Amino acid sequence: MTLAWYDGAGLAGTGMILLGFALLQAGKLSGTGLVYQLLNLFGAAGVLVSLLGTFNLSVFLLESAWMLVSLYGIARSLAAKPPAAPA
């Protein structure tokens, strides 16, 4: 089996999404944290790149939505005010 560069991007993206989910389930990441959101964003982007080889509409729609939700989460996290320091 020969893998093209876009297959590698897709495998890396899948790994990022699964790593983020595993770390979330293990309590090592927060679902609203920037690291978790970035793993999802770049993971979905990698899977989208893999569609350059063989296009699949349902995967395209799923990963596009995954990226949009991740971008929303990142924007929301960055816009949140940091907690006030104790006096």
PDB file of N, CA and C in Angstrom:
ATOM      1  N   MET A   1       0.840  -1.168   0.000  1.00  0.00           N
ATOM      2  CA  MET A   1       0.000   0.000   0.000  1.00  0.00           C
ATOM      3  C   MET A   1       0.894   1.243   0.000  1.00  0.00           C
ATOM      4  N   THR A   2       0.618   2.153  -0.909  1.00  0.00           N
ATOM      5  CA  THR A   2       1.372   3.384  -1.008  1.00  0.00           C
ATOM      6  C   THR A   2       0.500   4.548  -0.555  1.00  0.00           C
ATOM      7  N   LEU A   3       1.054   5.357   0.315  1.00  0.00           N
ATOM      8  CA  LEU A   3       0.318   6.520   0.814  1.00  0.00           C
ATOM      9  C   LEU A   3       0.865   7.786   0.177  1.00  0.00           C
ATOM     10  N   ALA A   4      -0.034   8.654  -0.239  1.00  0.00           N
ATOM     11  CA  ALA A   4       0.338   9.967  -0.755  1.00  0.00           C
ATOM     12  C   ALA A   4       0.474  10.938   0.416  1.00  0.00           C
ATOM     13  N   TRP A   5       1.044  12.109   0.141  1.00  0.00           N
ATOM     14  CA  TRP A   5       1.241  13.105   1.204  1.00  0.00           C
ATOM     15  C   TRP A   5      -0.068  13.490   1.862  1.00  0.00           C
ATOM     16  N   TYR A   6      -1.163  13.545   1.083  1.00  0.00           N
ATOM     17  CA  TYR A   6      -2.452  13.939   1.668  1.00  0.00           C
ATOM     18  C   TYR A   6      -3.019  12.835   2.556  1.00  0.00           C
ATOM     19  N   ASP A   7      -2.639  11.589   2.304  1.00  0.00           N
ATOM     20  CA  ASP A   7      -3.037  10.513   3.211  1.00  0.00           C
ATOM     21  C   ASP A   7      -2.357  10.691   4.569  1.00  0.00           C
ATOM     22  N   GLY A   8      -1.097  11.090   4.538  1.00  0.00           N
ATOM     23  CA  GLY A   8      -0.381  11.366   5.784  1.00  0.00           C
ATOM     24  C   GLY A   8      -1.024  12.499   6.565  1.00  0.00           C
ATOM     25  N   ALA A   9      -1.465  13.534   5.846  1.00  0.00           N
ATOM     26  CA  ALA A   9      -2.152  14.653   6.506  1.00  0.00           C
ATOM     27  C   ALA A   9      -3.449  14.168   7.150  1.00  0.00           C
ATOM     28  N   GLY A  10      -4.170  13.307   6.457  1.00  0.00           N
ATOM     29  CA  GLY A  10      -5.419  12.774   7.007  1.00  0.00           C
ATOM     30  C   GLY A  10      -5.190  11.901   8.226  1.00  0.00           C
ATOM     31  N   LEU A  11      -4.153  11.078   8.176  1.00  0.00           N
ATOM     32  CA  LEU A  11      -3.840  10.225   9.333  1.00  0.00           C
ATOM     33  C   LEU A  11      -3.408  11.065  10.532  1.00  0.00           C
ATOM     34  N   ALA A  12      -2.595  12.095  10.269  1.00  0.00           N
ATOM     35  CA  ALA A  12      -2.182  12.984  11.355  1.00  0.00           C
ATOM     36  C   ALA A  12      -3.393  13.715  11.939  1.00  0.00           C
ATOM     37  N   GLY A  13      -4.309  14.158  11.073  1.00  0.00           N
ATOM     38  CA  GLY A  13      -5.518  14.832  11.541  1.00  0.00           C
ATOM     39  C   GLY A  13      -6.386  13.924  12.383  1.00  0.00           C
ATOM     40  N   THR A  14      -6.548  12.691  11.929  1.00  0.00           N
ATOM     41  CA  THR A  14      -7.325  11.716  12.700  1.00  0.00           C
ATOM     42  C   THR A  14      -6.681  11.490  14.059  1.00  0.00           C
ATOM     43  N   GLY A  15      -5.348  11.388  14.067  1.00  0.00           N
ATOM     44  CA  GLY A  15      -4.637  11.205  15.333  1.00  0.00           C
ATOM     45  C   GLY A  15      -4.835  12.374  16.280  1.00  0.00           C
ATOM     46  N   MET A  16      -4.825  13.598  15.747  1.00  0.00           N
ATOM     47  CA  MET A  16      -5.030  14.788  16.595  1.00  0.00           C
ATOM     48  C   MET A  16      -6.419  14.793  17.223  1.00  0.00           C
ATOM     49  N   ILE A  17      -7.426  14.478  16.412  1.00  0.00           N
ATOM     50  CA  ILE A  17      -8.801  14.459  16.935  1.00  0.00           C
ATOM     51  C   ILE A  17      -8.942  13.387  18.017  1.00  0.00           C
ATOM     52  N   LEU A  18      -8.405  12.204  17.749  1.00  0.00           N
ATOM     53  CA  LEU A  18      -8.499  11.115  18.729  1.00  0.00           C
ATOM     54  C   LEU A  18      -7.689  11.408  19.985  1.00  0.00           C
ATOM     55  N   LEU A  19      -6.514  12.019  19.828  1.00  0.00           N
ATOM     56  CA  LEU A  19      -5.701  12.389  20.986  1.00  0.00           C
ATOM     57  C   LEU A  19      -6.441  13.402  21.858  1.00  0.00           C
ATOM     58  N   GLY A  20      -7.015  14.418  21.230  1.00  0.00           N
ATOM     59  CA  GLY A  20      -7.771  15.407  21.993  1.00  0.00           C
ATOM     60  C   GLY A  20      -8.930  14.779  22.752  1.00  0.00           C
ATOM     61  N   PHE A  21      -9.653  13.886  22.083  1.00  0.00           N
ATOM     62  CA  PHE A  21     -10.798  13.229  22.733  1.00  0.00           C
ATOM     63  C   PHE A  21     -10.334  12.336  23.879  1.00  0.00           C
ATOM     64  N   ALA A  22      -9.255  11.590  23.666  1.00  0.00           N
ATOM     65  CA  ALA A  22      -8.742  10.719  24.724  1.00  0.00           C
ATOM     66  C   ALA A  22      -8.281  11.535  25.930  1.00  0.00           C
ATOM     67  N   LEU A  23      -7.571  12.626  25.677  1.00  0.00           N
ATOM     68  CA  LEU A  23      -7.111  13.476  26.783  1.00  0.00           C
ATOM     69  C   LEU A  23      -8.279  14.145  27.507  1.00  0.00           C
ATOM     70  N   LEU A  24      -9.315  14.495  26.764  1.00  0.00           N
ATOM     71  CA  LEU A  24     -10.514  15.051  27.381  1.00  0.00           C
ATOM     72  C   LEU A  24     -11.165  14.022  28.300  1.00  0.00           C
ATOM     73  N   GLN A  25     -11.302  12.797  27.812  1.00  0.00           N
ATOM     74  CA  GLN A  25     -11.936  11.740  28.598  1.00  0.00           C
ATOM     75  C   GLN A  25     -11.096  11.359  29.822  1.00  0.00           C
ATOM     76  N   ALA A  26      -9.775  11.503  29.694  1.00  0.00           N
ATOM     77  CA  ALA A  26      -8.880  11.189  30.806  1.00  0.00           C
ATOM     78  C   ALA A  26      -8.793  12.336  31.815  1.00  0.00           C
ATOM     79  N   GLY A  27      -9.469  13.440  31.519  1.00  0.00           N
ATOM     80  CA  GLY A  27      -9.449  14.582  32.421  1.00  0.00           C
ATOM     81  C   GLY A  27      -8.175  15.405  32.332  1.00  0.00           C
ATOM     82  N   LYS A  28      -7.400  15.222  31.263  1.00  0.00           N
ATOM     83  CA  LYS A  28      -6.147  15.951  31.096  1.00  0.00           C
ATOM     84  C   LYS A  28      -6.336  17.270  30.356  1.00  0.00           C
ATOM     85  N   LEU A  29      -7.445  17.414  29.647  1.00  0.00           N
ATOM     86  CA  LEU A  29      -7.765  18.639  28.918  1.00  0.00           C
ATOM     87  C   LEU A  29      -9.180  19.078  29.261  1.00  0.00           C
ATOM     88  N   SER A  30      -9.397  20.373  29.142  1.00  0.00           N
ATOM     89  CA  SER A  30     -10.738  20.928  29.295  1.00  0.00           C
ATOM     90  C   SER A  30     -11.384  21.021  27.913  1.00  0.00           C
ATOM     91  N   GLY A  31     -12.660  20.716  27.838  1.00  0.00           N
ATOM     92  CA  GLY A  31     -13.380  20.805  26.572  1.00  0.00           C
ATOM     93  C   GLY A  31     -13.468  22.220  26.042  1.00  0.00           C
ATOM     94  N   THR A  32     -13.272  23.201  26.891  1.00  0.00           N
ATOM     95  CA  THR A  32     -13.294  24.596  26.447  1.00  0.00           C
ATOM     96  C   THR A  32     -11.895  25.181  26.340  1.00  0.00           C
ATOM     97  N   GLY A  33     -10.890  24.364  26.592  1.00  0.00           N
ATOM     98  CA  GLY A  33      -9.512  24.836  26.569  1.00  0.00           C
ATOM     99  C   GLY A  33      -8.985  25.018  25.149  1.00  0.00           C
ATOM    100  N   LEU A  34      -8.000  25.893  25.017  1.00  0.00           N
ATOM    101  CA  LEU A  34      -7.435  26.210  23.718  1.00  0.00           C
ATOM    102  C   LEU A  34      -6.739  25.004  23.082  1.00  0.00           C
ATOM    103  N   VAL A  35      -6.028  24.215  23.857  1.00  0.00           N
ATOM    104  CA  VAL A  35      -5.313  23.053  23.303  1.00  0.00           C
ATOM    105  C   VAL A  35      -6.300  22.069  22.686  1.00  0.00           C
ATOM    106  N   TYR A  36      -7.373  21.780  23.387  1.00  0.00           N
ATOM    107  CA  TYR A  36      -8.383  20.853  22.870  1.00  0.00           C
ATOM    108  C   TYR A  36      -8.994  21.384  21.569  1.00  0.00           C
ATOM    109  N   GLN A  37      -9.316  22.668  21.564  1.00  0.00           N
ATOM    110  CA  GLN A  37      -9.916  23.269  20.366  1.00  0.00           C
ATOM    111  C   GLN A  37      -8.948  23.262  19.189  1.00  0.00           C
ATOM    112  N   LEU A  38      -7.670  23.534  19.447  1.00  0.00           N
ATOM    113  CA  LEU A  38      -6.668  23.526  18.373  1.00  0.00           C
ATOM    114  C   LEU A  38      -6.432  22.119  17.826  1.00  0.00           C
ATOM    115  N   LEU A  39      -6.421  21.123  18.705  1.00  0.00           N
ATOM    116  CA  LEU A  39      -6.298  19.738  18.229  1.00  0.00           C
ATOM    117  C   LEU A  39      -7.452  19.393  17.292  1.00  0.00           C
ATOM    118  N   ASN A  40      -8.651  19.812  17.657  1.00  0.00           N
ATOM    119  CA  ASN A  40      -9.813  19.559  16.807  1.00  0.00           C
ATOM    120  C   ASN A  40      -9.744  20.339  15.500  1.00  0.00           C
ATOM    121  N   LEU A  41      -9.341  21.602  15.567  1.00  0.00           N
ATOM    122  CA  LEU A  41      -9.263  22.438  14.372  1.00  0.00           C
ATOM    123  C   LEU A  41      -8.250  21.877  13.372  1.00  0.00           C
ATOM    124  N   PHE A  42      -7.030  21.638  13.831  1.00  0.00           N
ATOM    125  CA  PHE A  42      -5.989  21.148  12.929  1.00  0.00           C
ATOM    126  C   PHE A  42      -6.232  19.694  12.524  1.00  0.00           C
ATOM    127  N   GLY A  43      -6.850  18.930  13.419  1.00  0.00           N
ATOM    128  CA  GLY A  43      -7.199  17.561  13.061  1.00  0.00           C
ATOM    129  C   GLY A  43      -8.217  17.515  11.935  1.00  0.00           C
ATOM    130  N   ALA A  44      -9.247  18.316  12.042  1.00  0.00           N
ATOM    131  CA  ALA A  44     -10.269  18.369  10.990  1.00  0.00           C
ATOM    132  C   ALA A  44      -9.676  18.895   9.688  1.00  0.00           C
ATOM    133  N   ALA A  45      -8.768  19.861   9.789  1.00  0.00           N
ATOM    134  CA  ALA A  45      -8.118  20.385   8.587  1.00  0.00           C
ATOM    135  C   ALA A  45      -7.305  19.287   7.897  1.00  0.00           C
ATOM    136  N   GLY A  46      -6.620  18.465   8.672  1.00  0.00           N
ATOM    137  CA  GLY A  46      -5.855  17.366   8.102  1.00  0.00           C
ATOM    138  C   GLY A  46      -6.736  16.369   7.379  1.00  0.00           C
ATOM    139  N   VAL A  47      -7.878  16.055   7.980  1.00  0.00           N
ATOM    140  CA  VAL A  47      -8.806  15.129   7.327  1.00  0.00           C
ATOM    141  C   VAL A  47      -9.340  15.754   6.042  1.00  0.00           C
ATOM    142  N   LEU A  48      -9.623  17.050   6.064  1.00  0.00           N
ATOM    143  CA  LEU A  48     -10.081  17.724   4.841  1.00  0.00           C
ATOM    144  C   LEU A  48      -9.022  17.669   3.740  1.00  0.00           C
ATOM    145  N   VAL A  49      -7.764  17.854   4.107  1.00  0.00           N
ATOM    146  CA  VAL A  49      -6.686  17.777   3.117  1.00  0.00           C
ATOM    147  C   VAL A  49      -6.657  16.384   2.488  1.00  0.00           C
ATOM    148  N   SER A  50      -6.927  15.366   3.275  1.00  0.00           N
ATOM    149  CA  SER A  50      -6.893  13.999   2.743  1.00  0.00           C
ATOM    150  C   SER A  50      -7.940  13.778   1.654  1.00  0.00           C
ATOM    151  N   LEU A  51      -8.955  14.628   1.617  1.00  0.00           N
ATOM    152  CA  LEU A  51      -9.996  14.486   0.593  1.00  0.00           C
ATOM    153  C   LEU A  51      -9.506  14.898  -0.790  1.00  0.00           C
ATOM    154  N   LEU A  52      -8.291  15.461  -0.873  1.00  0.00           N
ATOM    155  CA  LEU A  52      -7.720  15.759  -2.178  1.00  0.00           C
ATOM    156  C   LEU A  52      -7.502  14.471  -2.977  1.00  0.00           C
ATOM    157  N   GLY A  53      -7.305  13.367  -2.267  1.00  0.00           N
ATOM    158  CA  GLY A  53      -7.113  12.083  -2.930  1.00  0.00           C
ATOM    159  C   GLY A  53      -8.409  11.516  -3.459  1.00  0.00           C
ATOM    160  N   THR A  54      -9.354  11.343  -2.602  1.00  0.00           N
ATOM    161  CA  THR A  54     -10.680  10.836  -2.975  1.00  0.00           C
ATOM    162  C   THR A  54     -11.701  11.664  -2.211  1.00  0.00           C
ATOM    163  N   PHE A  55     -12.517  12.405  -2.943  1.00  0.00           N
ATOM    164  CA  PHE A  55     -13.485  13.284  -2.297  1.00  0.00           C
ATOM    165  C   PHE A  55     -14.662  12.470  -1.764  1.00  0.00           C
ATOM    166  N   ASN A  56     -15.132  12.858  -0.586  1.00  0.00           N
ATOM    167  CA  ASN A  56     -16.275  12.234   0.052  1.00  0.00           C
ATOM    168  C   ASN A  56     -17.107  13.371   0.650  1.00  0.00           C
ATOM    169  N   LEU A  57     -18.299  13.604   0.127  1.00  0.00           N
ATOM    170  CA  LEU A  57     -19.118  14.743   0.540  1.00  0.00           C
ATOM    171  C   LEU A  57     -19.460  14.701   2.020  1.00  0.00           C
ATOM    172  N   SER A  58     -19.835  13.546   2.542  1.00  0.00           N
ATOM    173  CA  SER A  58     -20.239  13.490   3.946  1.00  0.00           C
ATOM    174  C   SER A  58     -19.057  13.784   4.872  1.00  0.00           C
ATOM    175  N   VAL A  59     -17.869  13.310   4.543  1.00  0.00           N
ATOM    176  CA  VAL A  59     -16.686  13.618   5.350  1.00  0.00           C
ATOM    177  C   VAL A  59     -16.353  15.103   5.230  1.00  0.00           C
ATOM    178  N   PHE A  60     -16.479  15.656   4.030  1.00  0.00           N
ATOM    179  CA  PHE A  60     -16.237  17.084   3.828  1.00  0.00           C
ATOM    180  C   PHE A  60     -17.168  17.925   4.705  1.00  0.00           C
ATOM    181  N   LEU A  61     -18.453  17.598   4.718  1.00  0.00           N
ATOM    182  CA  LEU A  61     -19.420  18.350   5.521  1.00  0.00           C
ATOM    183  C   LEU A  61     -19.143  18.193   7.014  1.00  0.00           C
ATOM    184  N   LEU A  62     -18.840  16.978   7.447  1.00  0.00           N
ATOM    185  CA  LEU A  62     -18.563  16.727   8.857  1.00  0.00           C
ATOM    186  C   LEU A  62     -17.335  17.500   9.321  1.00  0.00           C
ATOM    187  N   GLU A  63     -16.250  17.393   8.581  1.00  0.00           N
ATOM    188  CA  GLU A  63     -15.011  18.042   9.004  1.00  0.00           C
ATOM    189  C   GLU A  63     -15.081  19.564   8.869  1.00  0.00           C
ATOM    190  N   SER A  64     -15.821  20.054   7.884  1.00  0.00           N
ATOM    191  CA  SER A  64     -16.019  21.506   7.765  1.00  0.00           C
ATOM    192  C   SER A  64     -16.785  22.029   8.976  1.00  0.00           C
ATOM    193  N   ALA A  65     -17.827  21.319   9.369  1.00  0.00           N
ATOM    194  CA  ALA A  65     -18.596  21.710  10.557  1.00  0.00           C
ATOM    195  C   ALA A  65     -17.721  21.612  11.805  1.00  0.00           C
ATOM    196  N   TRP A  66     -16.887  20.578  11.879  1.00  0.00           N
ATOM    197  CA  TRP A  66     -15.986  20.378  13.017  1.00  0.00           C
ATOM    198  C   TRP A  66     -15.041  21.568  13.147  1.00  0.00           C
ATOM    199  N   MET A  67     -14.537  22.038  12.003  1.00  0.00           N
ATOM    200  CA  MET A  67     -13.647  23.196  12.020  1.00  0.00           C
ATOM    201  C   MET A  67     -14.378  24.463  12.455  1.00  0.00           C
ATOM    202  N   LEU A  68     -15.598  24.670  11.952  1.00  0.00           N
ATOM    203  CA  LEU A  68     -16.366  25.852  12.333  1.00  0.00           C
ATOM    204  C   LEU A  68     -16.663  25.876  13.823  1.00  0.00           C
ATOM    205  N   VAL A  69     -17.041  24.729  14.371  1.00  0.00           N
ATOM    206  CA  VAL A  69     -17.322  24.657  15.810  1.00  0.00           C
ATOM    207  C   VAL A  69     -16.040  24.907  16.598  1.00  0.00           C
ATOM    208  N   SER A  70     -14.929  24.359  16.134  1.00  0.00           N
ATOM    209  CA  SER A  70     -13.649  24.595  16.812  1.00  0.00           C
ATOM    210  C   SER A  70     -13.263  26.071  16.772  1.00  0.00           C
ATOM    211  N   LEU A  71     -13.450  26.711  15.623  1.00  0.00           N
ATOM    212  CA  LEU A  71     -13.160  28.147  15.520  1.00  0.00           C
ATOM    213  C   LEU A  71     -14.048  28.959  16.455  1.00  0.00           C
ATOM    214  N   TYR A  72     -15.308  28.576  16.552  1.00  0.00           N
ATOM    215  CA  TYR A  72     -16.216  29.243  17.486  1.00  0.00           C
ATOM    216  C   TYR A  72     -15.710  29.076  18.926  1.00  0.00           C
ATOM    217  N   GLY A  73     -15.315  27.865  19.271  1.00  0.00           N
ATOM    218  CA  GLY A  73     -14.810  27.611  20.618  1.00  0.00           C
ATOM    219  C   GLY A  73     -13.553  28.407  20.917  1.00  0.00           C
ATOM    220  N   ILE A  74     -12.666  28.503  19.937  1.00  0.00           N
ATOM    221  CA  ILE A  74     -11.440  29.279  20.119  1.00  0.00           C
ATOM    222  C   ILE A  74     -11.773  30.761  20.310  1.00  0.00           C
ATOM    223  N   ALA A  75     -12.649  31.281  19.471  1.00  0.00           N
ATOM    224  CA  ALA A  75     -13.044  32.697  19.592  1.00  0.00           C
ATOM    225  C   ALA A  75     -13.700  32.958  20.944  1.00  0.00           C
ATOM    226  N   ARG A  76     -14.538  32.051  21.372  1.00  0.00           N
ATOM    227  CA  ARG A  76     -15.214  32.206  22.662  1.00  0.00           C
ATOM    228  C   ARG A  76     -14.216  32.163  23.817  1.00  0.00           C
ATOM    229  N   SER A  77     -13.259  31.258  23.734  1.00  0.00           N
ATOM    230  CA  SER A  77     -12.243  31.162  24.792  1.00  0.00           C
ATOM    231  C   SER A  77     -11.376  32.416  24.847  1.00  0.00           C
ATOM    232  N   LEU A  78     -10.997  32.925  23.681  1.00  0.00           N
ATOM    233  CA  LEU A  78     -10.147  34.115  23.652  1.00  0.00           C
ATOM    234  C   LEU A  78     -10.894  35.366  24.089  1.00  0.00           C
ATOM    235  N   ALA A  79     -12.211  35.396  23.862  1.00  0.00           N
ATOM    236  CA  ALA A  79     -13.003  36.569  24.234  1.00  0.00           C
ATOM    237  C   ALA A  79     -13.393  36.558  25.711  1.00  0.00           C
ATOM    238  N   ALA A  80     -13.315  35.390  26.349  1.00  0.00           N
ATOM    239  CA  ALA A  80     -13.713  35.296  27.759  1.00  0.00           C
ATOM    240  C   ALA A  80     -12.751  36.099  28.615  1.00  0.00           C
ATOM    241  N   LYS A  81     -13.320  36.769  29.565  1.00  0.00           N
ATOM    242  CA  LYS A  81     -12.504  37.564  30.470  1.00  0.00           C
ATOM    243  C   LYS A  81     -11.825  36.623  31.477  1.00  0.00           C
ATOM    244  N   PRO A  82     -10.541  36.856  31.743  1.00  0.00           N
ATOM    245  CA  PRO A  82      -9.864  36.011  32.748  1.00  0.00           C
ATOM    246  C   PRO A  82     -10.482  36.267  34.123  1.00  0.00           C
ATOM    247  N   PRO A  83     -10.488  35.245  34.972  1.00  0.00           N
ATOM    248  CA  PRO A  83     -11.043  35.448  36.316  1.00  0.00           C
ATOM    249  C   PRO A  83     -10.266  36.504  37.079  1.00  0.00           C
ATOM    250  N   ALA A  84     -10.974  37.246  37.880  1.00  0.00           N
ATOM    251  CA  ALA A  84     -10.350  38.299  38.677  1.00  0.00           C
ATOM    252  C   ALA A  84      -9.408  37.678  39.715  1.00  0.00           C
ATOM    253  N   ALA A  85      -8.293  38.318  39.935  1.00  0.00           N
ATOM    254  CA  ALA A  85      -7.333  37.857  40.936  1.00  0.00           C
ATOM    255  C   ALA A  85      -7.914  38.106  42.331  1.00  0.00           C
ATOM    256  N   PRO A  86      -7.697  37.148  43.229  1.00  0.00           N
ATOM    257  CA  PRO A  86      -8.196  37.357  44.591  1.00  0.00           C
ATOM    258  C   PRO A  86      -7.512  38.551  45.256  1.00  0.00           C
ATOM    259  N   ALA A  87      -8.303  39.275  46.022  1.00  0.00           N
ATOM    260  CA  ALA A  87      -7.770  40.473  46.687  1.00  0.00           C
ATOM    261  C   ALA A  87      -7.131  40.147  47.995  1.00  0.00           C
TER     262      ALA A  87
END
